[in-house]
Amino acid sequence: MWESLSTTGIRIIVTVAIMGAVIACIADAMGKRIGRAHVRLFGLRPRTNARILTVLGGALIGVLSVVTLAATSNTARVALFKLETITAQIKSLEKERNMISENLQKSKAEVDRQNKIITSLDEKIAVANKDLMAAKKEVDELNDSKNKLAGEVVKLQKNTKILRDGITIMRQGELLYRAGEVVYAGVMRGNLRHKENNIQLDWFMTSANSAALTKAGIEPKNPGDPMPQAIAFQNETLGRALDELNLAKNDKFFRVRALTNVMAGEISPCTLEIFDNVLVYANGTTLYRQEYNIRKNDSRVKENIMMELLTNVNRSAVAAGVLPDPISGNVGGMTADGVLKITSQLKGAGKHFLVAAKADGDIYTSGPVRIKFNVEKIQEE
């Protein structure tokens, strides 16, 4: 307790104690004197006067003590004369503090809500930035594709100019390919590695382009000069073809066909058809057989029979899975020797005979259908 007293507080206590002692001594001396002298103040007895004097001395001590405190201590002075005002201010301040606390709590709640909104916006911004990056990447890819296409257009324009320059005036306006016509076809080996598939696909495309150039009558001016591009495909065609080759376990039949009528000097837009090249007829397999019994041995009738046989064989082969020519619808043909042989056999067969068409070698989906006829004369009973 004593350690917490300041120098000013000790000085006030000492002053009040000394002042109280002095006033008490003075009051005691005056009381004694009045008692000895038997002085009567206000008609009262001396003893009563001594008591009154003692009471006044004590009251004076209290008053002087308060006055001394007020004179020597600002804190005491404020406590004595401004205590109610200070109490009212304290209550007002406490009320204001409570209001501020409530507002602070509300502000904290609002800050938390705003922080949640900001967090949500940050997440949306992150997603938007991610989408923006993806969009920028797509734009870059599209720009790259655009630049590549522009380069291909320039290249195609150059090739077109070369093609047009290579066609003579006499051939201008000549139809080079009809829509759907086969430009080139070939069998590609399956069950190979990616590198080997790349090589054989490049070979096929080069061969197809060379075939188109040959038909157009275009040859390089100097040996070793690069050949112009005579055929064109959609961008994804070669990728699709390579994917199919990479997955193929068996051989594939590739066929390049013109999409539109192509005039001499024009680049031919083409499509690439891919089929499984499977064995349709083994060597010696009977494709078609028919028994005939005609009224008379007429050569003209037998010529019609031969044409009917070829038509039926063609129809049977197509139904079995051999791919026909898109323009003619035929799957093969007969050599001149074969035609002469069947004609001779039909002439010597009489009126009643059996004709069988057999595969002259293995026949695959890609064709062609090579056949040999066997005519058996049927004896009349």
Protein backbone atom coordinates (compact mmCIF):
# COMPACT_ATOMS: atom_id res chain seq x y z
CA MET A 1 0.00 0.00 0.00
CA TRP A 2 2.72 2.50 1.07
CA GLU A 3 4.77 1.73 -2.03
CA SER A 4 1.87 2.89 -4.26
CA LEU A 5 1.68 6.37 -2.59
CA SER A 6 3.24 9.19 -4.59
CA THR A 7 5.27 12.06 -3.15
CA THR A 8 2.28 14.39 -3.55
CA GLY A 9 0.01 12.02 -1.63
CA ILE A 10 2.47 11.72 1.26
CA ARG A 11 2.84 15.48 1.35
CA ILE A 12 -0.97 15.95 1.55
CA ILE A 13 -1.30 13.41 4.38
CA VAL A 14 1.47 15.05 6.38
CA THR A 15 -0.01 18.50 5.78
CA VAL A 16 -3.51 17.43 6.83
CA ALA A 17 -2.12 15.68 9.95
CA ILE A 18 -0.10 18.73 11.02
CA MET A 19 -3.00 21.08 10.32
CA GLY A 20 -5.42 18.85 12.28
CA ALA A 21 -3.01 18.64 15.20
CA VAL A 22 -2.55 22.45 15.27
CA ILE A 23 -6.31 23.09 15.13
CA ALA A 24 -6.91 20.47 17.84
CA CYS A 25 -4.30 22.08 20.11
CA ILE A 26 -5.79 25.52 19.53
CA ALA A 27 -9.32 24.25 20.23
CA ASP A 28 -8.12 22.40 23.34
CA ALA A 29 -6.31 25.50 24.68
CA MET A 30 -9.33 27.73 24.06
CA GLY A 31 -11.59 25.16 25.75
CA LYS A 32 -9.35 25.05 28.79
CA ARG A 33 -9.17 28.81 29.01
CA ILE A 34 -12.90 29.21 28.68
CA GLY A 35 -13.37 26.52 31.36
CA ARG A 36 -10.98 28.16 33.81
CA ALA A 37 -12.36 31.63 33.26
CA HIS A 38 -15.89 30.40 33.59
CA VAL A 39 -16.75 32.40 30.49
CA ARG A 40 -20.35 32.18 29.42
CA LEU A 41 -20.95 32.62 25.72
CA PHE A 42 -24.50 33.18 24.60
CA GLY A 43 -25.61 32.56 28.21
CA LEU A 44 -24.45 28.92 28.12
CA ARG A 45 -22.55 27.07 30.77
CA PRO A 46 -18.72 26.95 30.43
CA ARG A 47 -18.72 23.18 30.00
CA THR A 48 -21.23 23.48 27.16
CA ASN A 49 -19.16 26.25 25.56
CA ALA A 50 -16.07 24.01 25.75
CA ARG A 51 -17.96 21.22 24.00
CA ILE A 52 -19.23 23.59 21.30
CA LEU A 53 -15.69 24.84 20.78
CA THR A 54 -14.41 21.30 20.48
CA VAL A 55 -17.11 20.47 17.93
CA LEU A 56 -16.32 23.61 15.94
CA GLY A 57 -12.64 22.72 16.05
CA GLY A 58 -13.36 19.24 14.69
CA ALA A 59 -15.59 20.69 11.96
CA LEU A 60 -12.93 23.21 11.12
CA ILE A 61 -10.40 20.44 10.88
CA GLY A 62 -12.64 18.61 8.39
CA VAL A 63 -13.31 21.75 6.34
CA LEU A 64 -9.69 22.75 6.25
CA SER A 65 -8.72 19.20 5.39
CA VAL A 66 -11.07 19.24 2.39
CA VAL A 67 -9.87 22.71 1.37
CA THR A 68 -6.28 21.61 1.69
CA LEU A 69 -6.93 18.53 -0.42
CA ALA A 70 -8.69 20.65 -3.04
CA ALA A 71 -5.86 23.16 -3.07
CA THR A 72 -3.05 20.66 -3.26
CA SER A 73 -4.57 17.84 -5.43
CA ASN A 74 -6.21 18.26 -8.82
CA THR A 75 -7.66 14.75 -8.53
CA ALA A 76 -9.30 15.56 -5.18
CA ARG A 77 -10.59 18.84 -6.53
CA VAL A 78 -12.16 17.09 -9.51
CA ALA A 79 -13.61 14.38 -7.23
CA LEU A 80 -15.17 16.99 -4.91
CA PHE A 81 -16.63 19.43 -7.39
CA LYS A 82 -16.98 17.59 -10.74
CA LEU A 83 -17.82 14.08 -9.66
CA GLU A 84 -21.42 14.13 -10.91
CA THR A 85 -20.38 15.63 -14.22
CA ILE A 86 -17.66 13.04 -14.59
CA THR A 87 -20.08 10.26 -13.65
CA ALA A 88 -22.52 11.48 -16.32
CA GLN A 89 -19.68 11.64 -18.83
CA ILE A 90 -18.60 8.13 -17.84
CA LYS A 91 -22.15 6.82 -18.37
CA SER A 92 -22.35 8.65 -21.70
CA LEU A 93 -19.00 7.26 -22.71
CA GLU A 94 -20.00 3.75 -21.64
CA LYS A 95 -23.19 4.09 -23.67
CA GLU A 96 -21.17 5.32 -26.62
CA ARG A 97 -18.72 2.50 -26.10
CA ASN A 98 -21.55 -0.03 -26.14
CA MET A 99 -22.89 1.49 -29.35
CA ILE A 100 -19.42 1.42 -30.88
CA SER A 101 -19.05 -2.22 -29.80
CA GLU A 102 -22.37 -3.08 -31.41
CA ASN A 103 -21.38 -1.22 -34.57
CA LEU A 104 -18.01 -2.95 -34.46
CA GLN A 105 -19.70 -6.34 -34.27
CA LYS A 106 -21.96 -5.39 -37.16
CA SER A 107 -18.93 -4.13 -39.06
CA LYS A 108 -17.10 -7.38 -38.36
CA ALA A 109 -20.09 -9.36 -39.64
CA GLU A 110 -20.22 -7.14 -42.74
CA VAL A 111 -16.47 -7.53 -43.21
CA ASP A 112 -16.84 -11.33 -42.97
CA ARG A 113 -19.66 -11.21 -45.53
CA GLN A 114 -17.62 -9.00 -47.82
CA ASN A 115 -14.62 -11.32 -47.36
CA LYS A 116 -16.78 -14.27 -48.41
CA ILE A 117 -17.95 -12.31 -51.45
CA ILE A 118 -14.36 -11.39 -52.26
CA THR A 119 -13.29 -15.03 -51.87
CA SER A 120 -16.10 -16.10 -54.18
CA LEU A 121 -15.12 -13.41 -56.68
CA ASP A 122 -11.48 -14.52 -56.43
CA GLU A 123 -12.52 -18.08 -57.27
CA LYS A 124 -14.61 -16.84 -60.20
CA ILE A 125 -11.71 -14.69 -61.36
CA ALA A 126 -9.40 -17.72 -61.15
CA VAL A 127 -11.85 -19.77 -63.24
CA ALA A 128 -12.23 -16.87 -65.67
CA ASN A 129 -8.45 -16.54 -65.93
CA LYS A 130 -8.20 -20.26 -66.59
CA ASP A 131 -10.88 -20.00 -69.28
CA LEU A 132 -9.09 -16.96 -70.68
CA MET A 133 -5.83 -18.87 -70.88
CA ALA A 134 -7.61 -21.78 -72.59
CA ALA A 135 -9.28 -19.34 -75.00
CA LYS A 136 -5.94 -17.69 -75.73
CA LYS A 137 -4.43 -21.10 -76.38
CA GLU A 138 -7.28 -21.96 -78.74
CA VAL A 139 -6.86 -18.61 -80.49
CA ASP A 140 -3.13 -19.31 -80.86
CA GLU A 141 -3.89 -22.76 -82.25
CA LEU A 142 -6.46 -21.29 -84.63
CA ASN A 143 -3.95 -18.67 -85.73
CA ASP A 144 -1.39 -21.42 -86.32
CA SER A 145 -3.97 -23.38 -88.31
CA LYS A 146 -4.86 -20.22 -90.23
CA ASN A 147 -1.21 -19.62 -91.05
CA LYS A 148 -0.77 -23.23 -92.12
CA LEU A 149 -3.89 -23.04 -94.26
CA ALA A 150 -2.64 -19.80 -95.78
CA GLY A 151 0.64 -21.55 -96.61
CA GLU A 152 -1.24 -24.49 -98.08
CA VAL A 153 -3.39 -22.12 -100.15
CA VAL A 154 -0.26 -20.47 -101.52
CA LYS A 155 1.20 -23.87 -102.23
CA LEU A 156 -1.99 -25.03 -103.93
CA GLN A 157 -2.10 -21.87 -105.99
CA LYS A 158 1.46 -22.50 -107.13
CA ASN A 159 0.61 -26.13 -107.92
CA THR A 160 -2.47 -25.02 -109.83
CA LYS A 161 -0.38 -22.61 -111.88
CA ILE A 162 2.13 -25.37 -112.62
CA LEU A 163 -0.68 -27.72 -113.60
CA ARG A 164 -2.30 -25.14 -115.85
CA ASP A 165 1.03 -24.23 -117.41
CA GLY A 166 1.67 -27.92 -118.13
CA ILE A 167 -1.57 -28.43 -120.08
CA THR A 168 -1.46 -27.65 -123.78
CA ILE A 169 -4.04 -25.40 -125.42
CA MET A 170 -5.51 -28.42 -127.27
CA ARG A 171 -6.36 -30.07 -123.97
CA GLN A 172 -7.92 -27.07 -122.27
CA GLY A 173 -11.48 -27.81 -121.20
CA GLU A 174 -10.93 -31.60 -121.33
CA LEU A 175 -12.59 -33.60 -118.53
CA LEU A 176 -9.85 -35.33 -116.58
CA TYR A 177 -11.93 -37.11 -113.90
CA ARG A 178 -15.61 -37.56 -113.37
CA ALA A 179 -17.11 -37.20 -109.90
CA GLY A 180 -16.60 -40.49 -108.05
CA GLU A 181 -14.00 -41.82 -110.48
CA VAL A 182 -11.09 -43.78 -109.01
CA VAL A 183 -7.86 -41.81 -109.23
CA TYR A 184 -5.65 -44.43 -107.63
CA ALA A 185 -6.01 -47.56 -105.52
CA GLY A 186 -3.71 -49.93 -103.70
CA VAL A 187 -3.39 -52.46 -100.92
CA MET A 188 -1.61 -51.40 -97.72
CA ARG A 189 -0.09 -53.96 -95.41
CA GLY A 190 -1.46 -54.26 -91.91
CA ASN A 191 0.10 -55.20 -88.56
CA LEU A 192 3.12 -52.93 -89.06
CA ARG A 193 4.78 -50.41 -86.78
CA HIS A 194 3.99 -46.70 -86.83
CA LYS A 195 7.19 -45.78 -88.66
CA GLU A 196 6.60 -48.38 -91.37
CA ASN A 197 2.99 -47.24 -91.73
CA ASN A 198 4.22 -43.67 -92.26
CA ILE A 199 6.54 -44.85 -95.01
CA GLN A 200 3.94 -46.87 -96.90
CA LEU A 201 1.32 -44.11 -96.55
CA ASP A 202 3.79 -41.57 -97.99
CA TRP A 203 4.51 -43.98 -100.83
CA PHE A 204 0.79 -44.41 -101.54
CA MET A 205 0.10 -40.66 -101.61
CA THR A 206 3.12 -40.02 -103.84
CA SER A 207 1.98 -42.77 -106.20
CA ALA A 208 -1.58 -41.38 -106.30
CA ASN A 209 -0.26 -37.90 -107.12
CA SER A 210 2.03 -39.32 -109.82
CA ALA A 211 -0.91 -41.21 -111.36
CA ALA A 212 -2.94 -37.99 -111.52
CA LEU A 213 -0.02 -36.09 -113.04
CA THR A 214 0.55 -38.82 -115.61
CA LYS A 215 -3.09 -38.74 -116.67
CA ALA A 216 -2.85 -34.95 -117.01
CA GLY A 217 0.28 -35.35 -119.15
CA ILE A 218 2.55 -33.46 -116.78
CA GLU A 219 6.17 -34.45 -116.38
CA PRO A 220 9.03 -32.62 -114.61
CA LYS A 221 11.01 -30.35 -116.92
CA ASN A 222 14.26 -31.52 -115.39
CA PRO A 223 14.99 -34.88 -113.71
CA GLY A 224 14.83 -34.52 -109.94
CA ASP A 225 12.54 -31.47 -109.97
CA PRO A 226 9.77 -31.60 -107.34
CA MET A 227 6.43 -32.68 -108.75
CA PRO A 228 3.44 -30.37 -108.30
CA GLN A 229 0.46 -31.47 -106.23
CA ALA A 230 -2.37 -32.69 -108.46
CA ILE A 231 -4.71 -34.03 -105.76
CA ALA A 232 -5.90 -32.53 -102.48
CA PHE A 233 -7.49 -33.99 -99.34
CA GLN A 234 -9.16 -32.62 -96.24
CA ASN A 235 -6.74 -31.95 -93.38
CA GLU A 236 -7.85 -34.87 -91.22
CA THR A 237 -7.78 -37.47 -94.04
CA LEU A 238 -4.14 -38.51 -93.72
CA GLY A 239 -4.31 -38.58 -89.92
CA ARG A 240 -7.37 -40.85 -90.05
CA ALA A 241 -5.66 -43.11 -92.59
CA LEU A 242 -2.54 -43.42 -90.44
CA ASP A 243 -4.63 -44.20 -87.35
CA GLU A 244 -6.44 -47.00 -89.19
CA LEU A 245 -3.14 -48.43 -90.41
CA ASN A 246 -1.69 -48.37 -86.91
CA LEU A 247 -4.71 -50.34 -85.62
CA ALA A 248 -4.96 -52.69 -88.61
CA LYS A 249 -4.16 -56.36 -88.03
CA ASN A 250 -4.85 -57.31 -91.68
CA ASP A 251 -4.28 -55.64 -95.04
CA LYS A 252 -6.28 -52.55 -95.99
CA PHE A 253 -7.51 -51.48 -99.41
CA PHE A 254 -7.05 -47.75 -100.04
CA ARG A 255 -8.94 -46.07 -102.87
CA VAL A 256 -8.65 -42.41 -103.91
CA ARG A 257 -11.74 -40.99 -105.66
CA ALA A 258 -12.46 -37.59 -107.19
CA LEU A 259 -15.12 -35.65 -105.31
CA THR A 260 -16.17 -33.53 -108.30
CA ASN A 261 -15.70 -33.34 -112.04
CA VAL A 262 -12.11 -32.23 -112.64
CA MET A 263 -11.01 -30.43 -115.78
CA ALA A 264 -7.48 -30.63 -117.15
CA GLY A 265 -5.26 -28.14 -115.33
CA GLU A 266 -7.24 -28.20 -112.08
CA ILE A 267 -6.26 -29.70 -108.75
CA SER A 268 -8.53 -32.63 -108.01
CA PRO A 269 -10.26 -32.57 -104.58
CA CYS A 270 -10.35 -36.20 -103.50
CA THR A 271 -11.61 -38.48 -100.79
CA LEU A 272 -9.81 -41.50 -99.41
CA GLU A 273 -11.81 -44.71 -98.89
CA ILE A 274 -10.42 -47.46 -96.67
CA PHE A 275 -11.70 -51.05 -96.63
CA ASP A 276 -10.61 -54.32 -95.06
CA ASN A 277 -8.92 -56.32 -97.83
CA VAL A 278 -10.13 -59.84 -97.05
CA LEU A 279 -10.21 -62.99 -99.14
CA VAL A 280 -13.60 -63.25 -100.84
CA TYR A 281 -12.99 -66.20 -103.21
CA ALA A 282 -10.16 -68.69 -103.01
CA ASN A 283 -8.63 -69.95 -106.24
CA GLY A 284 -11.00 -72.36 -108.00
CA THR A 285 -14.09 -71.32 -106.03
CA THR A 286 -17.29 -71.37 -108.08
CA LEU A 287 -18.71 -67.87 -108.32
CA TYR A 288 -21.74 -68.71 -110.45
CA ARG A 289 -23.26 -71.68 -112.27
CA GLN A 290 -26.27 -71.93 -114.49
CA GLU A 291 -27.88 -74.64 -116.62
CA TYR A 292 -29.20 -73.65 -120.05
CA ASN A 293 -31.53 -75.51 -122.40
CA ILE A 294 -32.17 -73.58 -125.60
CA ARG A 295 -34.39 -74.56 -128.46
CA LYS A 296 -31.78 -74.37 -131.18
CA ASN A 297 -28.05 -73.97 -131.40
CA ASP A 298 -28.08 -70.26 -132.30
CA SER A 299 -24.80 -68.30 -132.00
CA ARG A 300 -26.61 -65.02 -131.39
CA VAL A 301 -28.52 -66.53 -128.50
CA LYS A 302 -25.27 -67.88 -127.06
CA GLU A 303 -23.66 -64.43 -127.32
CA ASN A 304 -26.51 -63.10 -125.21
CA ILE A 305 -25.94 -65.97 -122.76
CA MET A 306 -22.29 -64.98 -122.46
CA MET A 307 -23.22 -61.38 -121.66
CA GLU A 308 -25.77 -62.65 -119.14
CA LEU A 309 -23.10 -64.81 -117.52
CA LEU A 310 -20.72 -61.88 -117.14
CA THR A 311 -23.49 -59.74 -115.62
CA ASN A 312 -24.51 -62.44 -113.14
CA VAL A 313 -20.91 -63.14 -112.15
CA ASN A 314 -20.37 -59.42 -111.57
CA ARG A 315 -23.54 -59.21 -109.45
CA SER A 316 -22.55 -62.29 -107.37
CA ALA A 317 -19.03 -60.94 -106.74
CA VAL A 318 -20.34 -57.57 -105.59
CA ALA A 319 -22.84 -59.28 -103.29
CA ALA A 320 -20.00 -61.40 -101.86
CA GLY A 321 -17.95 -58.31 -100.96
CA VAL A 322 -15.76 -57.42 -103.94
CA LEU A 323 -15.67 -53.64 -104.45
CA PRO A 324 -16.93 -52.58 -107.90
CA ASP A 325 -15.69 -49.66 -109.93
CA PRO A 326 -17.78 -46.64 -108.79
CA ILE A 327 -18.40 -45.48 -112.37
CA SER A 328 -18.92 -48.70 -114.35
CA GLY A 329 -20.03 -50.94 -111.50
CA ASN A 330 -17.77 -53.74 -112.79
CA VAL A 331 -15.47 -55.83 -110.62
CA GLY A 332 -13.19 -57.07 -113.40
CA GLY A 333 -13.11 -58.16 -116.97
CA MET A 334 -12.10 -60.91 -119.31
CA THR A 335 -9.14 -60.94 -121.61
CA ALA A 336 -9.61 -61.38 -125.35
CA ASP A 337 -8.33 -64.94 -125.08
CA GLY A 338 -10.87 -65.67 -122.38
CA VAL A 339 -13.73 -64.30 -124.47
CA LEU A 340 -12.68 -66.38 -127.49
CA LYS A 341 -12.38 -69.49 -125.32
CA ILE A 342 -15.85 -69.22 -123.75
CA THR A 343 -17.35 -68.37 -127.12
CA SER A 344 -15.80 -71.50 -128.63
CA GLN A 345 -16.99 -73.67 -125.73
CA LEU A 346 -20.55 -72.33 -126.04
CA LYS A 347 -20.64 -73.03 -129.76
CA GLY A 348 -19.69 -76.67 -129.24
CA ALA A 349 -21.98 -77.23 -126.24
CA GLY A 350 -25.15 -77.92 -128.20
CA LYS A 351 -28.56 -76.86 -126.86
CA HIS A 352 -28.41 -78.25 -123.31
CA PHE A 353 -25.35 -77.36 -121.23
CA LEU A 354 -24.09 -76.23 -117.80
CA VAL A 355 -21.86 -73.19 -117.38
CA ALA A 356 -19.74 -72.63 -114.23
CA ALA A 357 -17.65 -69.52 -113.49
CA LYS A 358 -14.68 -70.18 -111.18
CA ALA A 359 -12.11 -67.89 -109.62
CA ASP A 360 -8.89 -67.76 -111.60
CA GLY A 361 -6.68 -67.11 -108.58
CA ASP A 362 -7.46 -65.74 -105.12
CA ILE A 363 -9.90 -62.82 -105.20
CA TYR A 364 -9.86 -60.19 -102.45
CA THR A 365 -12.07 -57.24 -101.60
CA SER A 366 -9.93 -55.00 -103.80
CA GLY A 367 -10.49 -57.23 -106.83
CA PRO A 368 -10.15 -57.60 -109.70
CA VAL A 369 -12.35 -60.63 -110.35
CA ARG A 370 -10.50 -62.93 -112.68
CA ILE A 371 -12.63 -65.86 -113.78
CA LYS A 372 -12.51 -68.86 -116.04
CA PHE A 373 -15.60 -70.52 -117.46
CA ASN A 374 -16.18 -74.23 -117.71
CA VAL A 375 -18.92 -75.38 -120.10
CA GLU A 376 -20.24 -78.93 -119.71
CA LYS A 377 -22.49 -80.42 -122.36
CA ILE A 378 -25.52 -82.27 -120.94
CA GLN A 379 -26.50 -85.38 -122.84
CA GLU A 380 -30.17 -85.61 -123.66
CA GLU A 381 -31.83 -88.79 -122.40
